[in-house]
PDB file of N, CA and C in Angstrom:
ATOM      1  N   MET A   1      12.245  -0.203  10.783  1.00  0.00           N
ATOM      2  CA  MET A   1      10.915   0.268  11.120  1.00  0.00           C
ATOM      3  C   MET A   1      10.158  -0.851  11.821  1.00  0.00           C
ATOM      4  N   LYS A   2       9.391  -0.459  12.808  1.00  0.00           N
ATOM      5  CA  LYS A   2       8.572  -1.398  13.572  1.00  0.00           C
ATOM      6  C   LYS A   2       7.138  -0.882  13.609  1.00  0.00           C
ATOM      7  N   CYS A   3       6.210  -1.793  13.806  1.00  0.00           N
ATOM      8  CA  CYS A   3       4.804  -1.436  13.944  1.00  0.00           C
ATOM      9  C   CYS A   3       4.430  -1.563  15.412  1.00  0.00           C
ATOM     10  N   MET A   4       3.816  -0.523  15.932  1.00  0.00           N
ATOM     11  CA  MET A   4       3.450  -0.491  17.345  1.00  0.00           C
ATOM     12  C   MET A   4       1.952  -0.223  17.474  1.00  0.00           C
ATOM     13  N   MET A   5       1.318  -0.876  18.461  1.00  0.00           N
ATOM     14  CA  MET A   5      -0.091  -0.647  18.749  1.00  0.00           C
ATOM     15  C   MET A   5      -0.208  -0.224  20.207  1.00  0.00           C
ATOM     16  N   SER A   6      -1.055   0.782  20.448  1.00  0.00           N
ATOM     17  CA  SER A   6      -1.262   1.211  21.820  1.00  0.00           C
ATOM     18  C   SER A   6      -1.988   0.109  22.582  1.00  0.00           C
ATOM     19  N   VAL A   7      -1.844   0.100  23.891  1.00  0.00           N
ATOM     20  CA  VAL A   7      -2.433  -0.946  24.722  1.00  0.00           C
ATOM     21  C   VAL A   7      -3.962  -0.943  24.598  1.00  0.00           C
ATOM     22  N   ASP A   8      -4.569   0.236  24.437  1.00  0.00           N
ATOM     23  CA  ASP A   8      -6.021   0.309  24.287  1.00  0.00           C
ATOM     24  C   ASP A   8      -6.482  -0.008  22.863  1.00  0.00           C
ATOM     25  N   GLU A   9      -5.543  -0.334  21.980  1.00  0.00           N
ATOM     26  CA  GLU A   9      -5.785  -0.741  20.591  1.00  0.00           C
ATOM     27  C   GLU A   9      -6.490   0.313  19.744  1.00  0.00           C
ATOM     28  N   LYS A  10      -6.284   1.587  20.069  1.00  0.00           N
ATOM     29  CA  LYS A  10      -6.879   2.667  19.284  1.00  0.00           C
ATOM     30  C   LYS A  10      -5.931   3.177  18.213  1.00  0.00           C
ATOM     31  N   HIS A  11      -4.633   3.056  18.439  1.00  0.00           N
ATOM     32  CA  HIS A  11      -3.652   3.617  17.507  1.00  0.00           C
ATOM     33  C   HIS A  11      -2.650   2.549  17.085  1.00  0.00           C
ATOM     34  N   ILE A  12      -2.319   2.553  15.776  1.00  0.00           N
ATOM     35  CA  ILE A  12      -1.261   1.703  15.247  1.00  0.00           C
ATOM     36  C   ILE A  12      -0.338   2.617  14.450  1.00  0.00           C
ATOM     37  N   ARG A  13       0.970   2.526  14.722  1.00  0.00           N
ATOM     38  CA  ARG A  13       1.943   3.403  14.077  1.00  0.00           C
ATOM     39  C   ARG A  13       3.131   2.608  13.568  1.00  0.00           C
ATOM     40  N   ARG A  14       3.795   3.169  12.544  1.00  0.00           N
ATOM     41  CA  ARG A  14       5.088   2.661  12.093  1.00  0.00           C
ATOM     42  C   ARG A  14       6.132   3.650  12.571  1.00  0.00           C
ATOM     43  N   VAL A  15       7.091   3.171  13.346  1.00  0.00           N
ATOM     44  CA  VAL A  15       8.122   4.038  13.911  1.00  0.00           C
ATOM     45  C   VAL A  15       9.493   3.402  13.715  1.00  0.00           C
ATOM     46  N   THR A  16      10.528   4.196  13.935  1.00  0.00           N
ATOM     47  CA  THR A  16      11.894   3.681  13.831  1.00  0.00           C
ATOM     48  C   THR A  16      12.161   2.700  14.957  1.00  0.00           C
ATOM     49  N   ASP A  17      13.223   1.923  14.815  1.00  0.00           N
ATOM     50  CA  ASP A  17      13.567   0.926  15.828  1.00  0.00           C
ATOM     51  C   ASP A  17      13.825   1.569  17.191  1.00  0.00           C
ATOM     52  N   ALA A  18      14.543   2.694  17.195  1.00  0.00           N
ATOM     53  CA  ALA A  18      14.872   3.369  18.454  1.00  0.00           C
ATOM     54  C   ALA A  18      13.597   3.889  19.132  1.00  0.00           C
ATOM     55  N   LYS A  19      12.724   4.506  18.350  1.00  0.00           N
ATOM     56  CA  LYS A  19      11.480   5.039  18.896  1.00  0.00           C
ATOM     57  C   LYS A  19      10.588   3.899  19.391  1.00  0.00           C
ATOM     58  N   ALA A  20      10.582   2.770  18.676  1.00  0.00           N
ATOM     59  CA  ALA A  20       9.782   1.613  19.082  1.00  0.00           C
ATOM     60  C   ALA A  20      10.254   1.066  20.420  1.00  0.00           C
ATOM     61  N   SER A  21      11.557   0.972  20.583  1.00  0.00           N
ATOM     62  CA  SER A  21      12.113   0.487  21.847  1.00  0.00           C
ATOM     63  C   SER A  21      11.725   1.416  22.993  1.00  0.00           C
ATOM     64  N   GLU A  22      11.800   2.709  22.729  1.00  0.00           N
ATOM     65  CA  GLU A  22      11.437   3.708  23.742  1.00  0.00           C
ATOM     66  C   GLU A  22       9.956   3.591  24.129  1.00  0.00           C
ATOM     67  N   LEU A  23       9.077   3.482  23.147  1.00  0.00           N
ATOM     68  CA  LEU A  23       7.639   3.361  23.415  1.00  0.00           C
ATOM     69  C   LEU A  23       7.318   2.081  24.175  1.00  0.00           C
ATOM     70  N   TYR A  24       8.000   0.988  23.813  1.00  0.00           N
ATOM     71  CA  TYR A  24       7.752  -0.304  24.470  1.00  0.00           C
ATOM     72  C   TYR A  24       8.146  -0.250  25.949  1.00  0.00           C
ATOM     73  N   HIS A  25       9.285   0.368  26.239  1.00  0.00           N
ATOM     74  CA  HIS A  25       9.753   0.432  27.625  1.00  0.00           C
ATOM     75  C   HIS A  25       8.942   1.395  28.475  1.00  0.00           C
ATOM     76  N   GLU A  26       8.291   2.377  27.842  1.00  0.00           N
ATOM     77  CA  GLU A  26       7.412   3.270  28.598  1.00  0.00           C
ATOM     78  C   GLU A  26       6.156   2.543  29.057  1.00  0.00           C
ATOM     79  N   GLY A  27       5.753   1.514  28.306  1.00  0.00           N
ATOM     80  CA  GLY A  27       4.651   0.674  28.752  1.00  0.00           C
ATOM     81  C   GLY A  27       3.310   0.897  28.076  1.00  0.00           C
ATOM     82  N   GLY A  28       3.156   1.905  27.267  1.00  0.00           N
ATOM     83  CA  GLY A  28       1.856   2.160  26.661  1.00  0.00           C
ATOM     84  C   GLY A  28       1.672   1.538  25.286  1.00  0.00           C
ATOM     85  N   TRP A  29       2.707   0.886  24.760  1.00  0.00           N
ATOM     86  CA  TRP A  29       2.660   0.367  23.402  1.00  0.00           C
ATOM     87  C   TRP A  29       3.202  -1.058  23.368  1.00  0.00           C
ATOM     88  N   ARG A  30       2.786  -1.815  22.340  1.00  0.00           N
ATOM     89  CA  ARG A  30       3.307  -3.166  22.135  1.00  0.00           C
ATOM     90  C   ARG A  30       3.579  -3.378  20.655  1.00  0.00           C
ATOM     91  N   TYR A  31       4.454  -4.341  20.362  1.00  0.00           N
ATOM     92  CA  TYR A  31       4.805  -4.654  18.987  1.00  0.00           C
ATOM     93  C   TYR A  31       3.675  -5.445  18.327  1.00  0.00           C
ATOM     94  N   VAL A  32       3.410  -5.158  17.055  1.00  0.00           N
ATOM     95  CA  VAL A  32       2.436  -5.922  16.271  1.00  0.00           C
ATOM     96  C   VAL A  32       3.025  -6.197  14.893  1.00  0.00           C
ATOM     97  N   SER A  33       2.406  -7.087  14.152  1.00  0.00           N
ATOM     98  CA  SER A  33       2.915  -7.445  12.830  1.00  0.00           C
ATOM     99  C   SER A  33       2.603  -6.358  11.810  1.00  0.00           C
ATOM    100  N   LYS A  34       3.398  -6.333  10.762  1.00  0.00           N
ATOM    101  CA  LYS A  34       3.207  -5.350   9.703  1.00  0.00           C
ATOM    102  C   LYS A  34       1.894  -5.609   8.965  1.00  0.00           C
ATOM    103  N   SER A  35       1.500  -6.877   8.859  1.00  0.00           N
ATOM    104  CA  SER A  35       0.255  -7.209   8.162  1.00  0.00           C
ATOM    105  C   SER A  35      -0.956  -6.612   8.885  1.00  0.00           C
ATOM    106  N   LEU A  36      -0.909  -6.544  10.203  1.00  0.00           N
ATOM    107  CA  LEU A  36      -1.989  -5.924  10.970  1.00  0.00           C
ATOM    108  C   LEU A  36      -2.039  -4.427  10.676  1.00  0.00           C
ATOM    109  N   TRP A  37      -0.880  -3.785  10.615  1.00  0.00           N
ATOM    110  CA  TRP A  37      -0.817  -2.361  10.265  1.00  0.00           C
ATOM    111  C   TRP A  37      -1.366  -2.125   8.866  1.00  0.00           C
ATOM    112  N   LYS A  38      -1.003  -3.022   7.920  1.00  0.00           N
ATOM    113  CA  LYS A  38      -1.467  -2.871   6.545  1.00  0.00           C
ATOM    114  C   LYS A  38      -2.984  -2.929   6.460  1.00  0.00           C
ATOM    115  N   GLU A  39      -3.587  -3.903   7.120  1.00  0.00           N
ATOM    116  CA  GLU A  39      -5.039  -4.064   6.980  1.00  0.00           C
ATOM    117  C   GLU A  39      -5.831  -3.005   7.717  1.00  0.00           C
ATOM    118  N   ARG A  40      -5.320  -2.499   8.828  1.00  0.00           N
ATOM    119  CA  ARG A  40      -6.087  -1.524   9.609  1.00  0.00           C
ATOM    120  C   ARG A  40      -5.786  -0.072   9.289  1.00  0.00           C
ATOM    121  N   VAL A  41      -4.567   0.221   8.838  1.00  0.00           N
ATOM    122  CA  VAL A  41      -4.184   1.615   8.625  1.00  0.00           C
ATOM    123  C   VAL A  41      -3.945   1.925   7.155  1.00  0.00           C
ATOM    124  N   ARG A  42      -2.981   1.257   6.557  1.00  0.00           N
ATOM    125  CA  ARG A  42      -2.568   1.615   5.207  1.00  0.00           C
ATOM    126  C   ARG A  42      -3.674   1.394   4.177  1.00  0.00           C
ATOM    127  N   ASP A  43      -4.312   0.233   4.189  1.00  0.00           N
ATOM    128  CA  ASP A  43      -5.313  -0.081   3.179  1.00  0.00           C
ATOM    129  C   ASP A  43      -6.624   0.660   3.402  1.00  0.00           C
ATOM    130  N   VAL A  44      -6.890   1.107   4.606  1.00  0.00           N
ATOM    131  CA  VAL A  44      -8.115   1.837   4.894  1.00  0.00           C
ATOM    132  C   VAL A  44      -8.055   3.237   4.301  1.00  0.00           C
ATOM    133  N   GLU A  45      -6.869   3.826   4.258  1.00  0.00           N
ATOM    134  CA  GLU A  45      -6.717   5.184   3.763  1.00  0.00           C
ATOM    135  C   GLU A  45      -6.890   5.288   2.251  1.00  0.00           C
ATOM    136  N   LYS A  46      -6.710   4.199   1.520  1.00  0.00           N
ATOM    137  CA  LYS A  46      -6.855   4.220   0.072  1.00  0.00           C
ATOM    138  C   LYS A  46      -8.331   4.080  -0.301  1.00  0.00           C
ATOM    139  N   PRO A  47      -8.853   4.993  -1.096  1.00  0.00           N
ATOM    140  CA  PRO A  47     -10.229   4.812  -1.562  1.00  0.00           C
ATOM    141  C   PRO A  47     -10.269   3.752  -2.658  1.00  0.00           C
ATOM    142  N   ASN A  48     -11.252   2.898  -2.589  1.00  0.00           N
ATOM    143  CA  ASN A  48     -11.382   1.840  -3.592  1.00  0.00           C
ATOM    144  C   ASN A  48     -12.254   2.331  -4.739  1.00  0.00           C
ATOM    145  N   GLU A  49     -11.604   2.916  -5.728  1.00  0.00           N
ATOM    146  CA  GLU A  49     -12.315   3.424  -6.882  1.00  0.00           C
ATOM    147  C   GLU A  49     -12.150   2.441  -8.031  1.00  0.00           C
ATOM    148  N   GLU A  50     -13.260   2.048  -8.599  1.00  0.00           N
ATOM    149  CA  GLU A  50     -13.196   1.180  -9.762  1.00  0.00           C
ATOM    150  C   GLU A  50     -13.290   2.048 -10.997  1.00  0.00           C
ATOM    151  N   LYS A  51     -12.244   2.017 -11.785  1.00  0.00           N
ATOM    152  CA  LYS A  51     -12.209   2.825 -12.995  1.00  0.00           C
ATOM    153  C   LYS A  51     -12.814   2.017 -14.138  1.00  0.00           C
ATOM    154  N   PRO A  52     -13.649   2.641 -14.939  1.00  0.00           N
ATOM    155  CA  PRO A  52     -14.200   1.906 -16.084  1.00  0.00           C
ATOM    156  C   PRO A  52     -13.099   1.614 -17.097  1.00  0.00           C
ATOM    157  N   THR A  53     -13.207   0.470 -17.735  1.00  0.00           N
ATOM    158  CA  THR A  53     -12.192   0.115 -18.724  1.00  0.00           C
ATOM    159  C   THR A  53     -12.369   0.988 -19.961  1.00  0.00           C
ATOM    160  N   LYS A  54     -11.267   1.325 -20.567  1.00  0.00           N
ATOM    161  CA  LYS A  54     -11.309   2.167 -21.752  1.00  0.00           C
ATOM    162  C   LYS A  54     -11.792   1.348 -22.942  1.00  0.00           C
ATOM    163  N   THR A  55     -12.469   2.004 -23.838  1.00  0.00           N
ATOM    164  CA  THR A  55     -12.908   1.307 -25.044  1.00  0.00           C
ATOM    165  C   THR A  55     -11.711   1.106 -25.953  1.00  0.00           C
ATOM    166  N   LYS A  56     -11.616  -0.060 -26.516  1.00  0.00           N
ATOM    167  CA  LYS A  56     -10.491  -0.372 -27.386  1.00  0.00           C
ATOM    168  C   LYS A  56     -10.826   0.025 -28.816  1.00  0.00           C
ATOM    169  N   SER A  57      -9.827   0.494 -29.512  1.00  0.00           N
ATOM    170  CA  SER A  57     -10.019   0.850 -30.914  1.00  0.00           C
ATOM    171  C   SER A  57      -9.409  -0.242 -31.785  1.00  0.00           C
ATOM    172  N   ASN A  58      -9.850  -0.313 -33.008  1.00  0.00           N
ATOM    173  CA  ASN A  58      -9.340  -1.316 -33.936  1.00  0.00           C
ATOM    174  C   ASN A  58      -8.278  -0.748 -34.872  1.00  0.00           C
ATOM    175  N   LYS A  59      -7.614   0.304 -34.444  1.00  0.00           N
ATOM    176  CA  LYS A  59      -6.575   0.914 -35.267  1.00  0.00           C
ATOM    177  C   LYS A  59      -5.332   0.052 -35.246  1.00  0.00           C
ATOM    178  N   MET A  60      -4.614   0.058 -36.369  1.00  0.00           N
ATOM    179  CA  MET A  60      -3.368  -0.694 -36.436  1.00  0.00           C
ATOM    180  C   MET A  60      -2.268   0.081 -35.714  1.00  0.00           C
ATOM    181  N   SER A  61      -1.407  -0.663 -35.058  1.00  0.00           N
ATOM    182  CA  SER A  61      -0.286  -0.032 -34.378  1.00  0.00           C
ATOM    183  C   SER A  61       0.769   0.367 -35.406  1.00  0.00           C
ATOM    184  N   LYS A  62       1.726   1.154 -34.982  1.00  0.00           N
ATOM    185  CA  LYS A  62       2.800   1.596 -35.879  1.00  0.00           C
ATOM    186  C   LYS A  62       3.575   0.398 -36.427  1.00  0.00           C
ATOM    187  N   ALA A  63       3.814  -0.593 -35.582  1.00  0.00           N
ATOM    188  CA  ALA A  63       4.566  -1.770 -36.010  1.00  0.00           C
ATOM    189  C   ALA A  63       3.779  -2.547 -37.063  1.00  0.00           C
ATOM    190  N   GLN A  64       2.467  -2.660 -36.897  1.00  0.00           N
ATOM    191  CA  GLN A  64       1.646  -3.371 -37.870  1.00  0.00           C
ATOM    192  C   GLN A  64       1.638  -2.639 -39.210  1.00  0.00           C
ATOM    193  N   LYS A  65       1.548  -1.315 -39.169  1.00  0.00           N
ATOM    194  CA  LYS A  65       1.566  -0.517 -40.403  1.00  0.00           C
ATOM    195  C   LYS A  65       2.901  -0.685 -41.125  1.00  0.00           C
ATOM    196  N   ARG A  66       4.001  -0.640 -40.372  1.00  0.00           N
ATOM    197  CA  ARG A  66       5.332  -0.785 -40.940  1.00  0.00           C
ATOM    198  C   ARG A  66       5.479  -2.158 -41.593  1.00  0.00           C
ATOM    199  N   HIS A  67       4.991  -3.188 -40.921  1.00  0.00           N
ATOM    200  CA  HIS A  67       5.082  -4.544 -41.445  1.00  0.00           C
ATOM    201  C   HIS A  67       4.254  -4.680 -42.732  1.00  0.00           C
ATOM    202  N   LYS A  68       3.095  -4.054 -42.759  1.00  0.00           N
ATOM    203  CA  LYS A  68       2.223  -4.106 -43.928  1.00  0.00           C
ATOM    204  C   LYS A  68       2.887  -3.411 -45.133  1.00  0.00           C
ATOM    205  N   ARG A  69       3.576  -2.286 -44.889  1.00  0.00           N
ATOM    206  CA  ARG A  69       4.258  -1.568 -45.960  1.00  0.00           C
ATOM    207  C   ARG A  69       5.388  -2.405 -46.563  1.00  0.00           C
ATOM    208  N   LYS A  70       6.089  -3.171 -45.742  1.00  0.00           N
ATOM    209  CA  LYS A  70       7.222  -3.965 -46.226  1.00  0.00           C
ATOM    210  C   LYS A  70       6.773  -5.114 -47.108  1.00  0.00           C
ATOM    211  N   SER A  71       5.592  -5.624 -46.902  1.00  0.00           N
ATOM    212  CA  SER A  71       5.170  -6.796 -47.694  1.00  0.00           C
ATOM    213  C   SER A  71       4.355  -6.435 -48.908  1.00  0.00           C
TER     214      SER A  71
END
Protein backbone atom coordinates (compact mmCIF):
# COMPACT_ATOMS: atom_id res chain seq x y z
CA MET A 1 0.00 0.00 0.00
CA LYS A 2 1.16 3.50 -0.83
CA CYS A 3 -0.10 6.94 0.13
CA MET A 4 -0.78 9.33 -2.72
CA MET A 5 -1.64 13.04 -2.72
CA SER A 6 -3.15 14.90 -5.63
CA VAL A 7 -1.04 17.70 -7.10
CA ASP A 8 -3.56 20.31 -5.91
CA GLU A 9 -3.25 18.80 -2.38
CA LYS A 10 -7.00 18.33 -1.96
CA HIS A 11 -7.06 14.53 -1.80
CA ILE A 12 -4.89 11.98 0.01
CA ARG A 13 -5.51 8.26 -0.59
CA ARG A 14 -4.09 4.87 0.34
CA VAL A 15 -3.90 2.66 -2.74
CA THR A 16 -2.23 -0.56 -3.83
CA ASP A 17 1.28 -0.47 -5.27
CA ALA A 18 0.04 -1.10 -8.82
CA LYS A 19 -2.62 1.62 -8.61
CA ALA A 20 -0.07 4.04 -7.09
CA SER A 21 2.34 3.47 -9.95
CA GLU A 22 -0.47 4.05 -12.44
CA LEU A 23 -1.59 7.30 -10.75
CA TYR A 24 2.00 8.58 -10.54
CA HIS A 25 2.67 7.99 -14.24
CA GLU A 26 -0.57 9.73 -15.23
CA GLY A 27 0.83 12.85 -13.58
CA GLY A 28 -1.94 14.01 -11.27
CA TRP A 29 -0.66 12.38 -8.09
CA ARG A 30 2.55 12.17 -6.04
CA TYR A 31 3.83 9.90 -3.28
CA VAL A 32 3.60 11.12 0.33
CA SER A 33 4.48 9.63 3.70
CA LYS A 34 2.06 7.51 5.68
CA SER A 35 2.39 9.89 8.65
CA LEU A 36 0.96 12.71 6.51
CA TRP A 37 -2.01 10.49 5.58
CA LYS A 38 -2.51 9.60 9.25
CA GLU A 39 -2.62 13.19 10.46
CA ARG A 40 -4.80 14.58 7.67
CA VAL A 41 -7.17 11.72 6.88
CA ARG A 42 -7.25 8.86 9.35
CA ASP A 43 -7.10 10.81 12.62
CA VAL A 44 -9.52 13.49 11.43
CA GLU A 45 -12.29 10.95 10.87
CA LYS A 46 -12.19 9.74 14.49
CA PRO A 47 -14.26 11.83 16.89
CA ASN A 48 -12.37 12.72 20.03
CA GLU A 49 -14.80 11.73 22.74
CA GLU A 50 -13.63 11.83 26.31
CA LYS A 51 -15.41 9.18 28.30
CA PRO A 52 -15.90 9.83 32.00
CA THR A 53 -14.06 7.41 34.23
CA LYS A 54 -16.21 4.84 35.94
CA THR A 55 -16.65 5.04 39.67
CA LYS A 56 -14.70 2.37 41.47
CA SER A 57 -16.34 0.15 44.03
CA ASN A 58 -14.71 -1.18 47.17
CA LYS A 59 -16.01 -4.71 46.68
CA MET A 60 -13.62 -7.59 47.15
CA SER A 61 -12.70 -9.56 44.08
CA LYS A 62 -13.37 -13.29 43.83
CA ALA A 63 -9.69 -14.03 44.44
CA GLN A 64 -9.65 -11.88 47.59
CA LYS A 65 -12.78 -13.61 48.93
CA ARG A 66 -11.28 -17.05 48.22
CA HIS A 67 -8.04 -16.10 49.97
CA LYS A 68 -9.96 -14.78 52.98
CA ARG A 69 -11.94 -18.05 53.27
CA LYS A 70 -8.74 -20.14 53.28
CA SER A 71 -7.18 -18.26 56.19
